[in-house]
Amino acid sequence: MKLNRIGNNETELTNEADTVVVLFSYDTPVAARVDTNYSRTVKHYSKTTTRHINKWLPANAYVSIVDQQFLDALIVNNFTLQKGSK
């Protein structure tokens, strides 16, 4: 897995296969790309987080609006520490 800081309080978490990318605003997962499908949380956090999401999503992409639990589950199901990792 790769962790990439893309701006102030903006971080991308990418799986090894580069098929799942999750955008974090501050410490919260707020948007994702799974293969070529984009999604964003339905939950509103702040103006800054909304700006992070809008900047990260492609302008002409179809974006699904999902419950926060969907993004949380993406992390649990696609990003696990391997035995011996710290």
PDB file of N, CA and C in Angstrom:
ATOM      1  N   MET A   1       0.844  -1.169   0.000  1.00  0.00           N
ATOM      2  CA  MET A   1       0.000   0.000   0.000  1.00  0.00           C
ATOM      3  C   MET A   1       0.887   1.229   0.000  1.00  0.00           C
ATOM      4  N   LYS A   2       0.394   2.292  -0.624  1.00  0.00           N
ATOM      5  CA  LYS A   2       1.148   3.533  -0.732  1.00  0.00           C
ATOM      6  C   LYS A   2       0.359   4.669  -0.095  1.00  0.00           C
ATOM      7  N   LEU A   3       1.030   5.477   0.661  1.00  0.00           N
ATOM      8  CA  LEU A   3       0.444   6.652   1.282  1.00  0.00           C
ATOM      9  C   LEU A   3       1.101   7.869   0.650  1.00  0.00           C
ATOM     10  N   ASN A   4       0.282   8.768   0.092  1.00  0.00           N
ATOM     11  CA  ASN A   4       0.802   9.917  -0.640  1.00  0.00           C
ATOM     12  C   ASN A   4       0.119  11.189  -0.164  1.00  0.00           C
ATOM     13  N   ARG A   5       0.887  12.060   0.441  1.00  0.00           N
ATOM     14  CA  ARG A   5       0.339  13.363   0.847  1.00  0.00           C
ATOM     15  C   ARG A   5       0.249  14.235  -0.399  1.00  0.00           C
ATOM     16  N   ILE A   6      -0.953  14.701  -0.723  1.00  0.00           N
ATOM     17  CA  ILE A   6      -1.137  15.483  -1.945  1.00  0.00           C
ATOM     18  C   ILE A   6      -1.397  16.952  -1.661  1.00  0.00           C
ATOM     19  N   GLY A   7      -1.540  17.311  -0.422  1.00  0.00           N
ATOM     20  CA  GLY A   7      -1.765  18.704  -0.046  1.00  0.00           C
ATOM     21  C   GLY A   7      -1.898  18.810   1.458  1.00  0.00           C
ATOM     22  N   ASN A   8      -2.124  20.028   1.924  1.00  0.00           N
ATOM     23  CA  ASN A   8      -2.338  20.226   3.353  1.00  0.00           C
ATOM     24  C   ASN A   8      -3.587  19.478   3.784  1.00  0.00           C
ATOM     25  N   ASN A   9      -3.410  18.528   4.690  1.00  0.00           N
ATOM     26  CA  ASN A   9      -4.524  17.732   5.218  1.00  0.00           C
ATOM     27  C   ASN A   9      -5.238  16.920   4.154  1.00  0.00           C
ATOM     28  N   GLU A  10      -4.544  16.586   3.056  1.00  0.00           N
ATOM     29  CA  GLU A  10      -5.081  15.739   1.983  1.00  0.00           C
ATOM     30  C   GLU A  10      -4.097  14.609   1.723  1.00  0.00           C
ATOM     31  N   THR A  11      -4.596  13.373   1.788  1.00  0.00           N
ATOM     32  CA  THR A  11      -3.744  12.206   1.603  1.00  0.00           C
ATOM     33  C   THR A  11      -4.482  11.167   0.779  1.00  0.00           C
ATOM     34  N   GLU A  12      -3.734  10.490  -0.107  1.00  0.00           N
ATOM     35  CA  GLU A  12      -4.262   9.363  -0.864  1.00  0.00           C
ATOM     36  C   GLU A  12      -3.655   8.078  -0.313  1.00  0.00           C
ATOM     37  N   LEU A  13      -4.488   7.066  -0.185  1.00  0.00           N
ATOM     38  CA  LEU A  13      -4.052   5.727   0.170  1.00  0.00           C
ATOM     39  C   LEU A  13      -4.371   4.834  -1.015  1.00  0.00           C
ATOM     40  N   THR A  14      -3.345   4.179  -1.575  1.00  0.00           N
ATOM     41  CA  THR A  14      -3.506   3.360  -2.782  1.00  0.00           C
ATOM     42  C   THR A  14      -3.100   1.936  -2.484  1.00  0.00           C
ATOM     43  N   ASN A  15      -3.897   0.971  -2.953  1.00  0.00           N
ATOM     44  CA  ASN A  15      -3.513  -0.427  -2.736  1.00  0.00           C
ATOM     45  C   ASN A  15      -2.392  -0.820  -3.695  1.00  0.00           C
ATOM     46  N   GLU A  16      -1.786  -1.968  -3.444  1.00  0.00           N
ATOM     47  CA  GLU A  16      -0.625  -2.410  -4.230  1.00  0.00           C
ATOM     48  C   GLU A  16      -0.950  -2.567  -5.712  1.00  0.00           C
ATOM     49  N   ALA A  17      -2.159  -3.006  -6.045  1.00  0.00           N
ATOM     50  CA  ALA A  17      -2.545  -3.220  -7.441  1.00  0.00           C
ATOM     51  C   ALA A  17      -2.970  -1.932  -8.131  1.00  0.00           C
ATOM     52  N   ASP A  18      -3.015  -0.830  -7.393  1.00  0.00           N
ATOM     53  CA  ASP A  18      -3.444   0.472  -7.913  1.00  0.00           C
ATOM     54  C   ASP A  18      -4.885   0.436  -8.429  1.00  0.00           C
ATOM     55  N   THR A  19      -5.705  -0.424  -7.829  1.00  0.00           N
ATOM     56  CA  THR A  19      -7.109  -0.522  -8.228  1.00  0.00           C
ATOM     57  C   THR A  19      -8.037   0.206  -7.274  1.00  0.00           C
ATOM     58  N   VAL A  20      -7.550   0.515  -6.079  1.00  0.00           N
ATOM     59  CA  VAL A  20      -8.346   1.242  -5.089  1.00  0.00           C
ATOM     60  C   VAL A  20      -7.504   2.410  -4.565  1.00  0.00           C
ATOM     61  N   VAL A  21      -8.070   3.604  -4.676  1.00  0.00           N
ATOM     62  CA  VAL A  21      -7.433   4.807  -4.134  1.00  0.00           C
ATOM     63  C   VAL A  21      -8.469   5.502  -3.260  1.00  0.00           C
ATOM     64  N   VAL A  22      -8.098   5.812  -2.031  1.00  0.00           N
ATOM     65  CA  VAL A  22      -9.006   6.484  -1.109  1.00  0.00           C
ATOM     66  C   VAL A  22      -8.419   7.849  -0.765  1.00  0.00           C
ATOM     67  N   LEU A  23      -9.245   8.881  -0.881  1.00  0.00           N
ATOM     68  CA  LEU A  23      -8.844  10.230  -0.494  1.00  0.00           C
ATOM     69  C   LEU A  23      -9.240  10.462   0.953  1.00  0.00           C
ATOM     70  N   PHE A  24      -8.258  10.924   1.741  1.00  0.00           N
ATOM     71  CA  PHE A  24      -8.507  11.324   3.116  1.00  0.00           C
ATOM     72  C   PHE A  24      -8.420  12.839   3.196  1.00  0.00           C
ATOM     73  N   SER A  25      -9.376  13.438   3.856  1.00  0.00           N
ATOM     74  CA  SER A  25      -9.296  14.839   4.216  1.00  0.00           C
ATOM     75  C   SER A  25      -9.137  14.852   5.726  1.00  0.00           C
ATOM     76  N   TYR A  26      -8.039  15.432   6.178  1.00  0.00           N
ATOM     77  CA  TYR A  26      -7.640  15.299   7.572  1.00  0.00           C
ATOM     78  C   TYR A  26      -7.453  13.805   7.842  1.00  0.00           C
ATOM     79  N   ASP A  27      -8.167  13.203   8.747  1.00  0.00           N
ATOM     80  CA  ASP A  27      -8.010  11.770   9.027  1.00  0.00           C
ATOM     81  C   ASP A  27      -9.211  10.953   8.571  1.00  0.00           C
ATOM     82  N   THR A  28     -10.052  11.516   7.710  1.00  0.00           N
ATOM     83  CA  THR A  28     -11.315  10.885   7.347  1.00  0.00           C
ATOM     84  C   THR A  28     -11.340  10.501   5.871  1.00  0.00           C
ATOM     85  N   PRO A  29     -11.689   9.244   5.554  1.00  0.00           N
ATOM     86  CA  PRO A  29     -11.853   8.873   4.151  1.00  0.00           C
ATOM     87  C   PRO A  29     -13.118   9.530   3.599  1.00  0.00           C
ATOM     88  N   VAL A  30     -12.982  10.274   2.499  1.00  0.00           N
ATOM     89  CA  VAL A  30     -14.128  11.044   2.002  1.00  0.00           C
ATOM     90  C   VAL A  30     -14.465  10.779   0.539  1.00  0.00           C
ATOM     91  N   ALA A  31     -13.564  10.143  -0.202  1.00  0.00           N
ATOM     92  CA  ALA A  31     -13.826   9.837  -1.606  1.00  0.00           C
ATOM     93  C   ALA A  31     -12.933   8.675  -2.014  1.00  0.00           C
ATOM     94  N   ALA A  32     -13.283   8.021  -3.126  1.00  0.00           N
ATOM     95  CA  ALA A  32     -12.501   6.872  -3.563  1.00  0.00           C
ATOM     96  C   ALA A  32     -12.637   6.655  -5.062  1.00  0.00           C
ATOM     97  N   ARG A  33     -11.619   5.965  -5.584  1.00  0.00           N
ATOM     98  CA  ARG A  33     -11.682   5.428  -6.945  1.00  0.00           C
ATOM     99  C   ARG A  33     -11.445   3.940  -6.830  1.00  0.00           C
ATOM    100  N   VAL A  34     -12.393   3.150  -7.353  1.00  0.00           N
ATOM    101  CA  VAL A  34     -12.240   1.706  -7.426  1.00  0.00           C
ATOM    102  C   VAL A  34     -12.266   1.371  -8.912  1.00  0.00           C
ATOM    103  N   ASP A  35     -11.127   0.906  -9.417  1.00  0.00           N
ATOM    104  CA  ASP A  35     -10.914   0.739 -10.851  1.00  0.00           C
ATOM    105  C   ASP A  35     -11.160   2.092 -11.518  1.00  0.00           C
ATOM    106  N   THR A  36     -12.220   2.229 -12.309  1.00  0.00           N
ATOM    107  CA  THR A  36     -12.506   3.515 -12.958  1.00  0.00           C
ATOM    108  C   THR A  36     -13.757   4.180 -12.391  1.00  0.00           C
ATOM    109  N   ASN A  37     -14.264   3.662 -11.279  1.00  0.00           N
ATOM    110  CA  ASN A  37     -15.494   4.175 -10.672  1.00  0.00           C
ATOM    111  C   ASN A  37     -15.172   5.066  -9.476  1.00  0.00           C
ATOM    112  N   TYR A  38     -15.743   6.259  -9.484  1.00  0.00           N
ATOM    113  CA  TYR A  38     -15.499   7.227  -8.416  1.00  0.00           C
ATOM    114  C   TYR A  38     -16.696   7.316  -7.481  1.00  0.00           C
ATOM    115  N   SER A  39     -16.414   7.576  -6.214  1.00  0.00           N
ATOM    116  CA  SER A  39     -17.478   7.775  -5.231  1.00  0.00           C
ATOM    117  C   SER A  39     -17.031   8.822  -4.228  1.00  0.00           C
ATOM    118  N   ARG A  40     -18.014   9.438  -3.592  1.00  0.00           N
ATOM    119  CA  ARG A  40     -17.756  10.417  -2.536  1.00  0.00           C
ATOM    120  C   ARG A  40     -18.781  10.219  -1.444  1.00  0.00           C
ATOM    121  N   THR A  41     -18.425  10.610  -0.238  1.00  0.00           N
ATOM    122  CA  THR A  41     -19.318  10.440   0.891  1.00  0.00           C
ATOM    123  C   THR A  41     -20.521  11.387   0.784  1.00  0.00           C
ATOM    124  N   VAL A  42     -21.636  10.937   1.272  1.00  0.00           N
ATOM    125  CA  VAL A  42     -22.826  11.760   1.351  1.00  0.00           C
ATOM    126  C   VAL A  42     -22.723  12.736   2.526  1.00  0.00           C
ATOM    127  N   LYS A  43     -21.887  12.372   3.501  1.00  0.00           N
ATOM    128  CA  LYS A  43     -21.766  13.167   4.723  1.00  0.00           C
ATOM    129  C   LYS A  43     -20.995  14.461   4.458  1.00  0.00           C
ATOM    130  N   HIS A  44     -21.513  15.557   4.993  1.00  0.00           N
ATOM    131  CA  HIS A  44     -20.826  16.844   4.868  1.00  0.00           C
ATOM    132  C   HIS A  44     -19.985  17.071   6.127  1.00  0.00           C
ATOM    133  N   TYR A  45     -18.698  17.351   5.921  1.00  0.00           N
ATOM    134  CA  TYR A  45     -17.805  17.595   7.050  1.00  0.00           C
ATOM    135  C   TYR A  45     -17.485  19.072   7.218  1.00  0.00           C
ATOM    136  N   SER A  46     -16.996  19.721   6.169  1.00  0.00           N
ATOM    137  CA  SER A  46     -16.637  21.138   6.254  1.00  0.00           C
ATOM    138  C   SER A  46     -16.456  21.680   4.839  1.00  0.00           C
ATOM    139  N   LYS A  47     -16.354  22.999   4.743  1.00  0.00           N
ATOM    140  CA  LYS A  47     -16.083  23.614   3.445  1.00  0.00           C
ATOM    141  C   LYS A  47     -14.740  23.164   2.897  1.00  0.00           C
ATOM    142  N   THR A  48     -13.766  23.039   3.777  1.00  0.00           N
ATOM    143  CA  THR A  48     -12.433  22.626   3.339  1.00  0.00           C
ATOM    144  C   THR A  48     -12.450  21.200   2.812  1.00  0.00           C
ATOM    145  N   THR A  49     -13.104  20.298   3.499  1.00  0.00           N
ATOM    146  CA  THR A  49     -13.195  18.911   3.039  1.00  0.00           C
ATOM    147  C   THR A  49     -13.937  18.837   1.714  1.00  0.00           C
ATOM    148  N   THR A  50     -15.011  19.601   1.569  1.00  0.00           N
ATOM    149  CA  THR A  50     -15.730  19.640   0.293  1.00  0.00           C
ATOM    150  C   THR A  50     -14.814  20.131  -0.824  1.00  0.00           C
ATOM    151  N   ARG A  51     -13.988  21.114  -0.529  1.00  0.00           N
ATOM    152  CA  ARG A  51     -13.033  21.619  -1.515  1.00  0.00           C
ATOM    153  C   ARG A  51     -12.003  20.542  -1.879  1.00  0.00           C
ATOM    154  N   HIS A  52     -11.521  19.788  -0.890  1.00  0.00           N
ATOM    155  CA  HIS A  52     -10.583  18.691  -1.146  1.00  0.00           C
ATOM    156  C   HIS A  52     -11.204  17.666  -2.100  1.00  0.00           C
ATOM    157  N   ILE A  53     -12.441  17.280  -1.816  1.00  0.00           N
ATOM    158  CA  ILE A  53     -13.126  16.285  -2.640  1.00  0.00           C
ATOM    159  C   ILE A  53     -13.294  16.796  -4.064  1.00  0.00           C
ATOM    160  N   ASN A  54     -13.806  18.007  -4.205  1.00  0.00           N
ATOM    161  CA  ASN A  54     -14.067  18.562  -5.542  1.00  0.00           C
ATOM    162  C   ASN A  54     -12.790  18.721  -6.355  1.00  0.00           C
ATOM    163  N   LYS A  55     -11.695  19.057  -5.692  1.00  0.00           N
ATOM    164  CA  LYS A  55     -10.410  19.203  -6.385  1.00  0.00           C
ATOM    165  C   LYS A  55      -9.883  17.843  -6.843  1.00  0.00           C
ATOM    166  N   TRP A  56     -10.113  16.803  -6.048  1.00  0.00           N
ATOM    167  CA  TRP A  56      -9.575  15.472  -6.321  1.00  0.00           C
ATOM    168  C   TRP A  56     -10.348  14.731  -7.409  1.00  0.00           C
ATOM    169  N   LEU A  57     -11.651  14.900  -7.455  1.00  0.00           N
ATOM    170  CA  LEU A  57     -12.468  14.175  -8.432  1.00  0.00           C
ATOM    171  C   LEU A  57     -12.285  14.760  -9.831  1.00  0.00           C
ATOM    172  N   PRO A  58     -12.235  13.893 -10.862  1.00  0.00           N
ATOM    173  CA  PRO A  58     -12.141  14.394 -12.238  1.00  0.00           C
ATOM    174  C   PRO A  58     -13.398  15.184 -12.595  1.00  0.00           C
ATOM    175  N   ALA A  59     -13.228  16.230 -13.382  1.00  0.00           N
ATOM    176  CA  ALA A  59     -14.328  17.146 -13.706  1.00  0.00           C
ATOM    177  C   ALA A  59     -15.496  16.462 -14.406  1.00  0.00           C
ATOM    178  N   ASN A  60     -15.228  15.555 -15.318  1.00  0.00           N
ATOM    179  CA  ASN A  60     -16.306  14.962 -16.119  1.00  0.00           C
ATOM    180  C   ASN A  60     -16.670  13.544 -15.707  1.00  0.00           C
ATOM    181  N   ALA A  61     -16.201  13.096 -14.568  1.00  0.00           N
ATOM    182  CA  ALA A  61     -16.464  11.727 -14.132  1.00  0.00           C
ATOM    183  C   ALA A  61     -17.853  11.601 -13.511  1.00  0.00           C
ATOM    184  N   TYR A  62     -18.473  10.444 -13.728  1.00  0.00           N
ATOM    185  CA  TYR A  62     -19.687  10.113 -12.993  1.00  0.00           C
ATOM    186  C   TYR A  62     -19.241   9.728 -11.586  1.00  0.00           C
ATOM    187  N   VAL A  63     -19.868  10.303 -10.579  1.00  0.00           N
ATOM    188  CA  VAL A  63     -19.478  10.070  -9.191  1.00  0.00           C
ATOM    189  C   VAL A  63     -20.679   9.572  -8.409  1.00  0.00           C
ATOM    190  N   SER A  64     -20.539   8.406  -7.805  1.00  0.00           N
ATOM    191  CA  SER A  64     -21.587   7.873  -6.938  1.00  0.00           C
ATOM    192  C   SER A  64     -21.494   8.531  -5.574  1.00  0.00           C
ATOM    193  N   ILE A  65     -22.642   8.847  -5.005  1.00  0.00           N
ATOM    194  CA  ILE A  65     -22.717   9.372  -3.651  1.00  0.00           C
ATOM    195  C   ILE A  65     -22.982   8.176  -2.735  1.00  0.00           C
ATOM    196  N   VAL A  66     -22.093   7.954  -1.773  1.00  0.00           N
ATOM    197  CA  VAL A  66     -22.178   6.751  -0.944  1.00  0.00           C
ATOM    198  C   VAL A  66     -22.204   7.113   0.536  1.00  0.00           C
ATOM    199  N   ASP A  67     -22.725   6.186   1.335  1.00  0.00           N
ATOM    200  CA  ASP A  67     -22.682   6.341   2.789  1.00  0.00           C
ATOM    201  C   ASP A  67     -21.238   6.281   3.261  1.00  0.00           C
ATOM    202  N   GLN A  68     -20.960   6.913   4.368  1.00  0.00           N
ATOM    203  CA  GLN A  68     -19.615   6.893   4.937  1.00  0.00           C
ATOM    204  C   GLN A  68     -19.155   5.467   5.212  1.00  0.00           C
ATOM    205  N   GLN A  69     -20.080   4.590   5.567  1.00  0.00           N
ATOM    206  CA  GLN A  69     -19.740   3.197   5.850  1.00  0.00           C
ATOM    207  C   GLN A  69     -19.133   2.493   4.635  1.00  0.00           C
ATOM    208  N   PHE A  70     -19.533   2.902   3.420  1.00  0.00           N
ATOM    209  CA  PHE A  70     -18.970   2.323   2.204  1.00  0.00           C
ATOM    210  C   PHE A  70     -17.469   2.598   2.129  1.00  0.00           C
ATOM    211  N   LEU A  71     -17.092   3.845   2.388  1.00  0.00           N
ATOM    212  CA  LEU A  71     -15.674   4.215   2.336  1.00  0.00           C
ATOM    213  C   LEU A  71     -14.890   3.539   3.463  1.00  0.00           C
ATOM    214  N   ASP A  72     -15.484   3.468   4.638  1.00  0.00           N
ATOM    215  CA  ASP A  72     -14.835   2.783   5.753  1.00  0.00           C
ATOM    216  C   ASP A  72     -14.594   1.307   5.417  1.00  0.00           C
ATOM    217  N   ALA A  73     -15.583   0.667   4.793  1.00  0.00           N
ATOM    218  CA  ALA A  73     -15.461  -0.744   4.414  1.00  0.00           C
ATOM    219  C   ALA A  73     -14.400  -0.944   3.330  1.00  0.00           C
ATOM    220  N   LEU A  74     -14.274   0.004   2.414  1.00  0.00           N
ATOM    221  CA  LEU A  74     -13.219  -0.089   1.392  1.00  0.00           C
ATOM    222  C   LEU A  74     -11.851  -0.223   2.044  1.00  0.00           C
ATOM    223  N   ILE A  75     -11.633   0.540   3.080  1.00  0.00           N
ATOM    224  CA  ILE A  75     -10.345   0.512   3.768  1.00  0.00           C
ATOM    225  C   ILE A  75     -10.143  -0.831   4.465  1.00  0.00           C
ATOM    226  N   VAL A  76     -11.137  -1.273   5.187  1.00  0.00           N
ATOM    227  CA  VAL A  76     -11.035  -2.536   5.912  1.00  0.00           C
ATOM    228  C   VAL A  76     -10.804  -3.696   4.947  1.00  0.00           C
ATOM    229  N   ASN A  77     -11.499  -3.692   3.815  1.00  0.00           N
ATOM    230  CA  ASN A  77     -11.437  -4.813   2.886  1.00  0.00           C
ATOM    231  C   ASN A  77     -10.257  -4.770   1.918  1.00  0.00           C
ATOM    232  N   ASN A  78      -9.619  -3.622   1.741  1.00  0.00           N
ATOM    233  CA  ASN A  78      -8.555  -3.507   0.741  1.00  0.00           C
ATOM    234  C   ASN A  78      -7.202  -3.107   1.285  1.00  0.00           C
ATOM    235  N   PHE A  79      -7.146  -2.696   2.537  1.00  0.00           N
ATOM    236  CA  PHE A  79      -5.882  -2.235   3.108  1.00  0.00           C
ATOM    237  C   PHE A  79      -5.681  -2.884   4.462  1.00  0.00           C
ATOM    238  N   THR A  80      -4.915  -3.945   4.477  1.00  0.00           N
ATOM    239  CA  THR A  80      -4.620  -4.614   5.732  1.00  0.00           C
ATOM    240  C   THR A  80      -3.110  -4.684   5.893  1.00  0.00           C
ATOM    241  N   LEU A  81      -2.659  -4.529   7.092  1.00  0.00           N
ATOM    242  CA  LEU A  81      -1.231  -4.695   7.368  1.00  0.00           C
ATOM    243  C   LEU A  81      -0.892  -6.173   7.315  1.00  0.00           C
ATOM    244  N   GLN A  82       0.190  -6.477   6.655  1.00  0.00           N
ATOM    245  CA  GLN A  82       0.631  -7.866   6.587  1.00  0.00           C
ATOM    246  C   GLN A  82       1.340  -8.233   7.872  1.00  0.00           C
ATOM    247  N   LYS A  83       1.345  -9.506   8.190  1.00  0.00           N
ATOM    248  CA  LYS A  83       1.981  -9.980   9.397  1.00  0.00           C
ATOM    249  C   LYS A  83       3.436  -9.506   9.428  1.00  0.00           C
ATOM    250  N   GLY A  84       3.818  -8.942  10.536  1.00  0.00           N
ATOM    251  CA  GLY A  84       5.175  -8.438  10.677  1.00  0.00           C
ATOM    252  C   GLY A  84       5.302  -6.977  10.331  1.00  0.00           C
ATOM    253  N   SER A  85       4.244  -6.370   9.766  1.00  0.00           N
ATOM    254  CA  SER A  85       4.273  -4.924   9.434  1.00  0.00           C
ATOM    255  C   SER A  85       4.017  -4.121  10.681  1.00  0.00           C
ATOM    256  N   LYS A  86       4.568  -2.932  10.701  1.00  0.00           N
ATOM    257  CA  LYS A  86       4.335  -2.041  11.836  1.00  0.00           C
ATOM    258  C   LYS A  86       3.553  -0.856  11.376  1.00  0.00           C
TER     259      LYS A  86
END
